[in-house]
């Protein structure tokens, strides 16, 4: 059974171009990309998760969570937002 989904015009056009190169229909090309993505997501997410867990300082996370919603926590969050926003603006 097939289902209709909405995709961007840009993705549809790229799928059409790639499909012609590989003798597929545009839907077949998108299904091909989806199959690759499903495999790659699992393959890439495990090492990333493992690295993240190894890098976590549980004490720092617990300390941060203990002040969520408090006035000091809100002030820290606002300061971090301003700091990172300034970095983003300066890079553009």
PDB file of N, CA and C in Angstrom:
ATOM      1  N   UNK A   1       0.840  -1.177   0.000  1.00  0.00           N
ATOM      2  CA  UNK A   1       0.000   0.000   0.000  1.00  0.00           C
ATOM      3  C   UNK A   1       0.888   1.245   0.000  1.00  0.00           C
ATOM      4  N   UNK A   2       0.551   2.216  -0.787  1.00  0.00           N
ATOM      5  CA  UNK A   2       1.318   3.455  -0.829  1.00  0.00           C
ATOM      6  C   UNK A   2       0.519   4.576  -0.192  1.00  0.00           C
ATOM      7  N   UNK A   3       1.251   5.591   0.249  1.00  0.00           N
ATOM      8  CA  UNK A   3       0.630   6.769   0.853  1.00  0.00           C
ATOM      9  C   UNK A   3       1.246   8.008   0.247  1.00  0.00           C
ATOM     10  N   UNK A   4       0.456   9.040   0.159  1.00  0.00           N
ATOM     11  CA  UNK A   4       0.958  10.319  -0.326  1.00  0.00           C
ATOM     12  C   UNK A   4       1.511  11.110   0.845  1.00  0.00           C
ATOM     13  N   UNK A   5       2.645  11.762   0.619  1.00  0.00           N
ATOM     14  CA  UNK A   5       3.223  12.652   1.620  1.00  0.00           C
ATOM     15  C   UNK A   5       3.624  13.942   0.934  1.00  0.00           C
ATOM     16  N   UNK A   6       3.730  14.990   1.711  1.00  0.00           N
ATOM     17  CA  UNK A   6       4.171  16.272   1.156  1.00  0.00           C
ATOM     18  C   UNK A   6       5.667  16.429   1.390  1.00  0.00           C
ATOM     19  N   UNK A   7       6.366  16.831   0.360  1.00  0.00           N
ATOM     20  CA  UNK A   7       7.792  17.153   0.460  1.00  0.00           C
ATOM     21  C   UNK A   7       8.006  18.491  -0.214  1.00  0.00           C
ATOM     22  N   UNK A   8       9.135  19.097   0.070  1.00  0.00           N
ATOM     23  CA  UNK A   8       9.416  20.398  -0.529  1.00  0.00           C
ATOM     24  C   UNK A   8       9.631  20.256  -2.034  1.00  0.00           C
ATOM     25  N   UNK A   9       9.382  21.328  -2.752  1.00  0.00           N
ATOM     26  CA  UNK A   9       9.638  21.337  -4.197  1.00  0.00           C
ATOM     27  C   UNK A   9      11.110  21.091  -4.474  1.00  0.00           C
ATOM     28  N   UNK A  10      11.966  21.630  -3.609  1.00  0.00           N
ATOM     29  CA  UNK A  10      13.406  21.465  -3.784  1.00  0.00           C
ATOM     30  C   UNK A  10      13.807  19.989  -3.684  1.00  0.00           C
ATOM     31  N   UNK A  11      13.302  19.288  -2.666  1.00  0.00           N
ATOM     32  CA  UNK A  11      13.614  17.867  -2.518  1.00  0.00           C
ATOM     33  C   UNK A  11      13.074  17.073  -3.699  1.00  0.00           C
ATOM     34  N   UNK A  12      11.886  17.395  -4.134  1.00  0.00           N
ATOM     35  CA  UNK A  12      11.288  16.698  -5.279  1.00  0.00           C
ATOM     36  C   UNK A  12      12.145  16.881  -6.528  1.00  0.00           C
ATOM     37  N   UNK A  13      12.647  18.079  -6.742  1.00  0.00           N
ATOM     38  CA  UNK A  13      13.476  18.348  -7.923  1.00  0.00           C
ATOM     39  C   UNK A  13      14.806  17.598  -7.858  1.00  0.00           C
ATOM     40  N   UNK A  14      15.439  17.615  -6.684  1.00  0.00           N
ATOM     41  CA  UNK A  14      16.704  16.888  -6.536  1.00  0.00           C
ATOM     42  C   UNK A  14      16.474  15.392  -6.707  1.00  0.00           C
ATOM     43  N   UNK A  15      15.396  14.881  -6.153  1.00  0.00           N
ATOM     44  CA  UNK A  15      15.071  13.457  -6.307  1.00  0.00           C
ATOM     45  C   UNK A  15      14.854  13.117  -7.782  1.00  0.00           C
ATOM     46  N   UNK A  16      14.182  14.005  -8.497  1.00  0.00           N
ATOM     47  CA  UNK A  16      13.932  13.786  -9.923  1.00  0.00           C
ATOM     48  C   UNK A  16      15.258  13.713 -10.695  1.00  0.00           C
ATOM     49  N   UNK A  17      16.175  14.632 -10.395  1.00  0.00           N
ATOM     50  CA  UNK A  17      17.475  14.650 -11.078  1.00  0.00           C
ATOM     51  C   UNK A  17      18.293  13.406 -10.755  1.00  0.00           C
ATOM     52  N   UNK A  18      18.356  13.048  -9.478  1.00  0.00           N
ATOM     53  CA  UNK A  18      19.120  11.862  -9.074  1.00  0.00           C
ATOM     54  C   UNK A  18      18.488  10.585  -9.617  1.00  0.00           C
ATOM     55  N   UNK A  19      17.177  10.545  -9.605  1.00  0.00           N
ATOM     56  CA  UNK A  19      16.471   9.365 -10.107  1.00  0.00           C
ATOM     57  C   UNK A  19      16.822   9.104 -11.568  1.00  0.00           C
ATOM     58  N   UNK A  20      16.898  10.152 -12.350  1.00  0.00           N
ATOM     59  CA  UNK A  20      17.239   9.988 -13.768  1.00  0.00           C
ATOM     60  C   UNK A  20      18.641   9.404 -13.934  1.00  0.00           C
ATOM     61  N   UNK A  21      19.560   9.810 -13.069  1.00  0.00           N
ATOM     62  CA  UNK A  21      20.932   9.300 -13.144  1.00  0.00           C
ATOM     63  C   UNK A  21      21.014   7.807 -12.824  1.00  0.00           C
ATOM     64  N   UNK A  22      20.163   7.352 -11.938  1.00  0.00           N
ATOM     65  CA  UNK A  22      20.237   5.967 -11.476  1.00  0.00           C
ATOM     66  C   UNK A  22      19.086   5.098 -11.974  1.00  0.00           C
ATOM     67  N   UNK A  23      18.378   5.604 -12.978  1.00  0.00           N
ATOM     68  CA  UNK A  23      17.295   4.854 -13.616  1.00  0.00           C
ATOM     69  C   UNK A  23      16.231   4.411 -12.609  1.00  0.00           C
ATOM     70  N   UNK A  24      15.830   5.366 -11.764  1.00  0.00           N
ATOM     71  CA  UNK A  24      14.762   5.142 -10.798  1.00  0.00           C
ATOM     72  C   UNK A  24      13.693   6.198 -11.026  1.00  0.00           C
ATOM     73  N   UNK A  25      12.535   5.955 -10.468  1.00  0.00           N
ATOM     74  CA  UNK A  25      11.511   7.003 -10.447  1.00  0.00           C
ATOM     75  C   UNK A  25      11.820   7.912  -9.248  1.00  0.00           C
ATOM     76  N   UNK A  26      11.311   9.140  -9.246  1.00  0.00           N
ATOM     77  CA  UNK A  26      11.538   9.996  -8.073  1.00  0.00           C
ATOM     78  C   UNK A  26      11.084   9.356  -6.754  1.00  0.00           C
ATOM     79  N   UNK A  27       9.913   8.699  -6.695  1.00  0.00           N
ATOM     80  CA  UNK A  27       9.560   8.036  -5.435  1.00  0.00           C
ATOM     81  C   UNK A  27      10.541   6.920  -5.046  1.00  0.00           C
ATOM     82  N   UNK A  28      11.016   6.187  -6.046  1.00  0.00           N
ATOM     83  CA  UNK A  28      12.000   5.141  -5.758  1.00  0.00           C
ATOM     84  C   UNK A  28      13.297   5.757  -5.215  1.00  0.00           C
ATOM     85  N   UNK A  29      13.671   6.915  -5.750  1.00  0.00           N
ATOM     86  CA  UNK A  29      14.888   7.582  -5.287  1.00  0.00           C
ATOM     87  C   UNK A  29      14.737   8.017  -3.831  1.00  0.00           C
ATOM     88  N   UNK A  30      13.584   8.565  -3.492  1.00  0.00           N
ATOM     89  CA  UNK A  30      13.345   9.001  -2.112  1.00  0.00           C
ATOM     90  C   UNK A  30      13.315   7.794  -1.179  1.00  0.00           C
ATOM     91  N   UNK A  31      12.706   6.693  -1.615  1.00  0.00           N
ATOM     92  CA  UNK A  31      12.711   5.477  -0.806  1.00  0.00           C
ATOM     93  C   UNK A  31      14.131   4.958  -0.616  1.00  0.00           C
ATOM     94  N   UNK A  32      14.944   5.055  -1.663  1.00  0.00           N
ATOM     95  CA  UNK A  32      16.354   4.647  -1.580  1.00  0.00           C
ATOM     96  C   UNK A  32      17.079   5.492  -0.536  1.00  0.00           C
ATOM     97  N   UNK A  33      16.911   6.820  -0.599  1.00  0.00           N
ATOM     98  CA  UNK A  33      17.535   7.705   0.387  1.00  0.00           C
ATOM     99  C   UNK A  33      17.049   7.385   1.798  1.00  0.00           C
ATOM    100  N   UNK A  34      15.762   7.108   1.935  1.00  0.00           N
ATOM    101  CA  UNK A  34      15.199   6.791   3.254  1.00  0.00           C
ATOM    102  C   UNK A  34      15.817   5.507   3.808  1.00  0.00           C
ATOM    103  N   UNK A  35      15.995   4.511   2.950  1.00  0.00           N
ATOM    104  CA  UNK A  35      16.593   3.249   3.395  1.00  0.00           C
ATOM    105  C   UNK A  35      18.024   3.477   3.874  1.00  0.00           C
ATOM    106  N   UNK A  36      18.784   4.260   3.130  1.00  0.00           N
ATOM    107  CA  UNK A  36      20.159   4.576   3.528  1.00  0.00           C
ATOM    108  C   UNK A  36      20.150   5.355   4.844  1.00  0.00           C
ATOM    109  N   UNK A  37      19.270   6.317   4.946  1.00  0.00           N
ATOM    110  CA  UNK A  37      19.176   7.126   6.163  1.00  0.00           C
ATOM    111  C   UNK A  37      18.834   6.303   7.384  1.00  0.00           C
ATOM    112  N   UNK A  38      17.940   5.341   7.235  1.00  0.00           N
ATOM    113  CA  UNK A  38      17.557   4.493   8.369  1.00  0.00           C
ATOM    114  C   UNK A  38      18.753   3.698   8.875  1.00  0.00           C
ATOM    115  N   UNK A  39      19.562   3.188   7.961  1.00  0.00           N
ATOM    116  CA  UNK A  39      20.740   2.421   8.350  1.00  0.00           C
ATOM    117  C   UNK A  39      21.789   3.344   8.965  1.00  0.00           C
ATOM    118  N   UNK A  40      22.030   4.474   8.330  1.00  0.00           N
ATOM    119  CA  UNK A  40      23.066   5.390   8.800  1.00  0.00           C
ATOM    120  C   UNK A  40      22.720   6.021  10.140  1.00  0.00           C
ATOM    121  N   UNK A  41      21.458   6.311  10.359  1.00  0.00           N
ATOM    122  CA  UNK A  41      21.061   6.928  11.618  1.00  0.00           C
ATOM    123  C   UNK A  41      21.412   6.017  12.789  1.00  0.00           C
ATOM    124  N   UNK A  42      21.107   4.744  12.647  1.00  0.00           N
ATOM    125  CA  UNK A  42      21.424   3.789  13.706  1.00  0.00           C
ATOM    126  C   UNK A  42      22.937   3.657  13.853  1.00  0.00           C
ATOM    127  N   UNK A  43      23.633   3.553  12.734  1.00  0.00           N
ATOM    128  CA  UNK A  43      25.089   3.372  12.774  1.00  0.00           C
ATOM    129  C   UNK A  43      25.791   4.576  13.368  1.00  0.00           C
ATOM    130  N   UNK A  44      25.313   5.761  13.069  1.00  0.00           N
ATOM    131  CA  UNK A  44      25.964   6.975  13.555  1.00  0.00           C
ATOM    132  C   UNK A  44      25.526   7.361  14.961  1.00  0.00           C
ATOM    133  N   UNK A  45      24.318   7.006  15.335  1.00  0.00           N
ATOM    134  CA  UNK A  45      23.830   7.451  16.630  1.00  0.00           C
ATOM    135  C   UNK A  45      24.473   6.693  17.785  1.00  0.00           C
ATOM    136  N   UNK A  46      24.829   5.430  17.616  1.00  0.00           N
ATOM    137  CA  UNK A  46      25.425   4.690  18.721  1.00  0.00           C
ATOM    138  C   UNK A  46      26.774   5.271  19.128  1.00  0.00           C
ATOM    139  N   UNK A  47      27.729   5.495  18.200  1.00  0.00           N
ATOM    140  CA  UNK A  47      29.000   6.098  18.615  1.00  0.00           C
ATOM    141  C   UNK A  47      28.814   7.494  19.208  1.00  0.00           C
ATOM    142  N   UNK A  48      27.896   8.259  18.640  1.00  0.00           N
ATOM    143  CA  UNK A  48      27.665   9.603  19.174  1.00  0.00           C
ATOM    144  C   UNK A  48      27.117   9.521  20.584  1.00  0.00           C
ATOM    145  N   UNK A  49      26.181   8.605  20.807  1.00  0.00           N
ATOM    146  CA  UNK A  49      25.613   8.435  22.145  1.00  0.00           C
ATOM    147  C   UNK A  49      26.687   7.977  23.128  1.00  0.00           C
ATOM    148  N   UNK A  50      27.528   7.068  22.684  1.00  0.00           N
ATOM    149  CA  UNK A  50      28.590   6.553  23.551  1.00  0.00           C
ATOM    150  C   UNK A  50      29.561   7.672  23.938  1.00  0.00           C
ATOM    151  N   UNK A  51      29.942   8.511  22.977  1.00  0.00           N
ATOM    152  CA  UNK A  51      30.835   9.634  23.267  1.00  0.00           C
ATOM    153  C   UNK A  51      30.178  10.620  24.224  1.00  0.00           C
ATOM    154  N   UNK A  52      28.902  10.890  23.989  1.00  0.00           N
ATOM    155  CA  UNK A  52      28.197  11.840  24.830  1.00  0.00           C
ATOM    156  C   UNK A  52      28.138  11.323  26.271  1.00  0.00           C
ATOM    157  N   UNK A  53      27.803  10.052  26.446  1.00  0.00           N
ATOM    158  CA  UNK A  53      27.711   9.490  27.780  1.00  0.00           C
ATOM    159  C   UNK A  53      29.068   9.494  28.477  1.00  0.00           C
ATOM    160  N   UNK A  54      30.128   9.278  27.713  1.00  0.00           N
ATOM    161  CA  UNK A  54      31.470   9.296  28.295  1.00  0.00           C
ATOM    162  C   UNK A  54      31.873  10.705  28.724  1.00  0.00           C
ATOM    163  N   UNK A  55      31.345  11.713  28.035  1.00  0.00           N
ATOM    164  CA  UNK A  55      31.727  13.096  28.319  1.00  0.00           C
ATOM    165  C   UNK A  55      30.860  13.754  29.394  1.00  0.00           C
ATOM    166  N   UNK A  56      29.777  13.109  29.766  1.00  0.00           N
ATOM    167  CA  UNK A  56      28.854  13.716  30.724  1.00  0.00           C
ATOM    168  C   UNK A  56      29.480  13.770  32.112  1.00  0.00           C
ATOM    169  N   UNK A  57      29.408  14.937  32.693  1.00  0.00           N
ATOM    170  CA  UNK A  57      29.780  15.102  34.093  1.00  0.00           C
ATOM    171  C   UNK A  57      28.466  15.118  34.861  1.00  0.00           C
ATOM    172  N   UNK A  58      28.100  13.984  35.401  1.00  0.00           N
ATOM    173  CA  UNK A  58      26.791  13.820  36.041  1.00  0.00           C
ATOM    174  C   UNK A  58      26.575  14.836  37.163  1.00  0.00           C
ATOM    175  N   UNK A  59      27.631  15.166  37.899  1.00  0.00           N
ATOM    176  CA  UNK A  59      27.520  16.122  39.004  1.00  0.00           C
ATOM    177  C   UNK A  59      27.092  17.493  38.490  1.00  0.00           C
ATOM    178  N   UNK A  60      27.689  17.919  37.364  1.00  0.00           N
ATOM    179  CA  UNK A  60      27.327  19.218  36.788  1.00  0.00           C
ATOM    180  C   UNK A  60      25.878  19.233  36.313  1.00  0.00           C
ATOM    181  N   UNK A  61      25.444  18.118  35.723  1.00  0.00           N
ATOM    182  CA  UNK A  61      24.053  18.036  35.258  1.00  0.00           C
ATOM    183  C   UNK A  61      23.104  18.101  36.449  1.00  0.00           C
ATOM    184  N   UNK A  62      23.411  17.351  37.509  1.00  0.00           N
ATOM    185  CA  UNK A  62      22.569  17.370  38.703  1.00  0.00           C
ATOM    186  C   UNK A  62      22.514  18.767  39.314  1.00  0.00           C
ATOM    187  N   UNK A  63      23.663  19.462  39.353  1.00  0.00           N
ATOM    188  CA  UNK A  63      23.694  20.825  39.888  1.00  0.00           C
ATOM    189  C   UNK A  63      22.834  21.759  39.038  1.00  0.00           C
ATOM    190  N   UNK A  64      22.944  21.632  37.718  1.00  0.00           N
ATOM    191  CA  UNK A  64      22.163  22.487  36.823  1.00  0.00           C
ATOM    192  C   UNK A  64      20.670  22.217  36.988  1.00  0.00           C
ATOM    193  N   UNK A  65      20.304  20.946  37.088  1.00  0.00           N
ATOM    194  CA  UNK A  65      18.893  20.604  37.229  1.00  0.00           C
ATOM    195  C   UNK A  65      18.324  21.065  38.568  1.00  0.00           C
ATOM    196  N   UNK A  66      19.169  21.153  39.583  1.00  0.00           N
ATOM    197  CA  UNK A  66      18.680  21.552  40.899  1.00  0.00           C
ATOM    198  C   UNK A  66      18.236  23.007  40.946  1.00  0.00           C
ATOM    199  N   UNK A  67      18.710  23.825  40.005  1.00  0.00           N
ATOM    200  CA  UNK A  67      18.332  25.250  40.019  1.00  0.00           C
ATOM    201  C   UNK A  67      17.334  25.626  38.924  1.00  0.00           C
ATOM    202  N   UNK A  68      16.882  24.629  38.162  1.00  0.00           N
ATOM    203  CA  UNK A  68      15.902  24.918  37.112  1.00  0.00           C
ATOM    204  C   UNK A  68      14.658  25.535  37.737  1.00  0.00           C
ATOM    205  N   UNK A  69      14.227  26.641  37.199  1.00  0.00           N
ATOM    206  CA  UNK A  69      13.027  27.314  37.702  1.00  0.00           C
ATOM    207  C   UNK A  69      13.290  28.291  38.824  1.00  0.00           C
ATOM    208  N   UNK A  70      14.470  28.230  39.427  1.00  0.00           N
ATOM    209  CA  UNK A  70      14.791  29.190  40.484  1.00  0.00           C
ATOM    210  C   UNK A  70      15.252  30.491  39.840  1.00  0.00           C
ATOM    211  N   UNK A  71      15.264  31.572  40.615  1.00  0.00           N
ATOM    212  CA  UNK A  71      15.686  32.856  40.044  1.00  0.00           C
ATOM    213  C   UNK A  71      17.145  32.795  39.595  1.00  0.00           C
ATOM    214  N   UNK A  72      18.002  32.083  40.346  1.00  0.00           N
ATOM    215  CA  UNK A  72      19.405  31.981  39.923  1.00  0.00           C
ATOM    216  C   UNK A  72      19.531  31.152  38.649  1.00  0.00           C
ATOM    217  N   UNK A  73      18.719  30.103  38.529  1.00  0.00           N
ATOM    218  CA  UNK A  73      18.743  29.287  37.317  1.00  0.00           C
ATOM    219  C   UNK A  73      18.278  30.058  36.102  1.00  0.00           C
ATOM    220  N   UNK A  74      17.236  30.841  36.278  1.00  0.00           N
ATOM    221  CA  UNK A  74      16.719  31.660  35.172  1.00  0.00           C
ATOM    222  C   UNK A  74      17.759  32.686  34.745  1.00  0.00           C
ATOM    223  N   UNK A  75      18.426  33.306  35.713  1.00  0.00           N
ATOM    224  CA  UNK A  75      19.475  34.291  35.393  1.00  0.00           C
ATOM    225  C   UNK A  75      20.626  33.629  34.641  1.00  0.00           C
ATOM    226  N   UNK A  76      21.021  32.432  35.081  1.00  0.00           N
ATOM    227  CA  UNK A  76      22.101  31.711  34.379  1.00  0.00           C
ATOM    228  C   UNK A  76      21.682  31.378  32.946  1.00  0.00           C
ATOM    229  N   UNK A  77      20.438  30.938  32.774  1.00  0.00           N
ATOM    230  CA  UNK A  77      19.944  30.601  31.435  1.00  0.00           C
ATOM    231  C   UNK A  77      19.924  31.831  30.543  1.00  0.00           C
ATOM    232  N   UNK A  78      19.449  32.968  31.081  1.00  0.00           N
ATOM    233  CA  UNK A  78      19.405  34.201  30.299  1.00  0.00           C
ATOM    234  C   UNK A  78      20.810  34.652  29.910  1.00  0.00           C
ATOM    235  N   UNK A  79      21.755  34.527  30.836  1.00  0.00           N
ATOM    236  CA  UNK A  79      23.140  34.916  30.539  1.00  0.00           C
ATOM    237  C   UNK A  79      23.724  34.032  29.446  1.00  0.00           C
ATOM    238  N   UNK A  80      23.424  32.735  29.500  1.00  0.00           N
ATOM    239  CA  UNK A  80      23.939  31.809  28.480  1.00  0.00           C
ATOM    240  C   UNK A  80      23.318  32.094  27.120  1.00  0.00           C
ATOM    241  N   UNK A  81      22.030  32.401  27.115  1.00  0.00           N
ATOM    242  CA  UNK A  81      21.351  32.740  25.860  1.00  0.00           C
ATOM    243  C   UNK A  81      21.973  33.996  25.256  1.00  0.00           C
ATOM    244  N   UNK A  82      22.221  34.999  26.071  1.00  0.00           N
ATOM    245  CA  UNK A  82      22.835  36.231  25.567  1.00  0.00           C
ATOM    246  C   UNK A  82      24.242  35.968  25.052  1.00  0.00           C
ATOM    247  N   UNK A  83      25.005  35.153  25.790  1.00  0.00           N
ATOM    248  CA  UNK A  83      26.380  34.856  25.380  1.00  0.00           C
ATOM    249  C   UNK A  83      26.400  34.120  24.051  1.00  0.00           C
ATOM    250  N   UNK A  84      25.584  33.085  23.933  1.00  0.00           N
ATOM    251  CA  UNK A  84      25.591  32.320  22.686  1.00  0.00           C
ATOM    252  C   UNK A  84      24.977  33.089  21.538  1.00  0.00           C
ATOM    253  N   UNK A  85      23.978  33.912  21.825  1.00  0.00           N
ATOM    254  CA  UNK A  85      23.379  34.756  20.772  1.00  0.00           C
ATOM    255  C   UNK A  85      24.406  35.729  20.233  1.00  0.00           C
ATOM    256  N   UNK A  86      25.202  36.312  21.124  1.00  0.00           N
ATOM    257  CA  UNK A  86      26.230  37.257  20.701  1.00  0.00           C
ATOM    258  C   UNK A  86      27.247  36.560  19.802  1.00  0.00           C
ATOM    259  N   UNK A  87      27.606  35.320  20.135  1.00  0.00           N
ATOM    260  CA  UNK A  87      28.542  34.564  19.298  1.00  0.00           C
ATOM    261  C   UNK A  87      27.964  34.291  17.925  1.00  0.00           C
ATOM    262  N   UNK A  88      26.679  33.959  17.875  1.00  0.00           N
ATOM    263  CA  UNK A  88      26.032  33.672  16.601  1.00  0.00           C
ATOM    264  C   UNK A  88      25.977  34.919  15.738  1.00  0.00           C
ATOM    265  N   UNK A  89      25.599  36.044  16.335  1.00  0.00           N
ATOM    266  CA  UNK A  89      25.501  37.305  15.586  1.00  0.00           C
ATOM    267  C   UNK A  89      26.861  37.733  15.081  1.00  0.00           C
ATOM    268  N   UNK A  90      27.906  37.572  15.905  1.00  0.00           N
ATOM    269  CA  UNK A  90      29.241  38.010  15.476  1.00  0.00           C
ATOM    270  C   UNK A  90      29.812  37.150  14.367  1.00  0.00           C
ATOM    271  N   UNK A  91      29.305  35.926  14.207  1.00  0.00           N
ATOM    272  CA  UNK A  91      29.801  35.029  13.172  1.00  0.00           C
ATOM    273  C   UNK A  91      29.108  35.257  11.825  1.00  0.00           C
ATOM    274  N   UNK A  92      28.028  36.028  11.816  1.00  0.00           N
ATOM    275  CA  UNK A  92      27.312  36.233  10.546  1.00  0.00           C
ATOM    276  C   UNK A  92      27.790  37.455   9.830  1.00  0.00           C
TER     277      UNK A  92
END
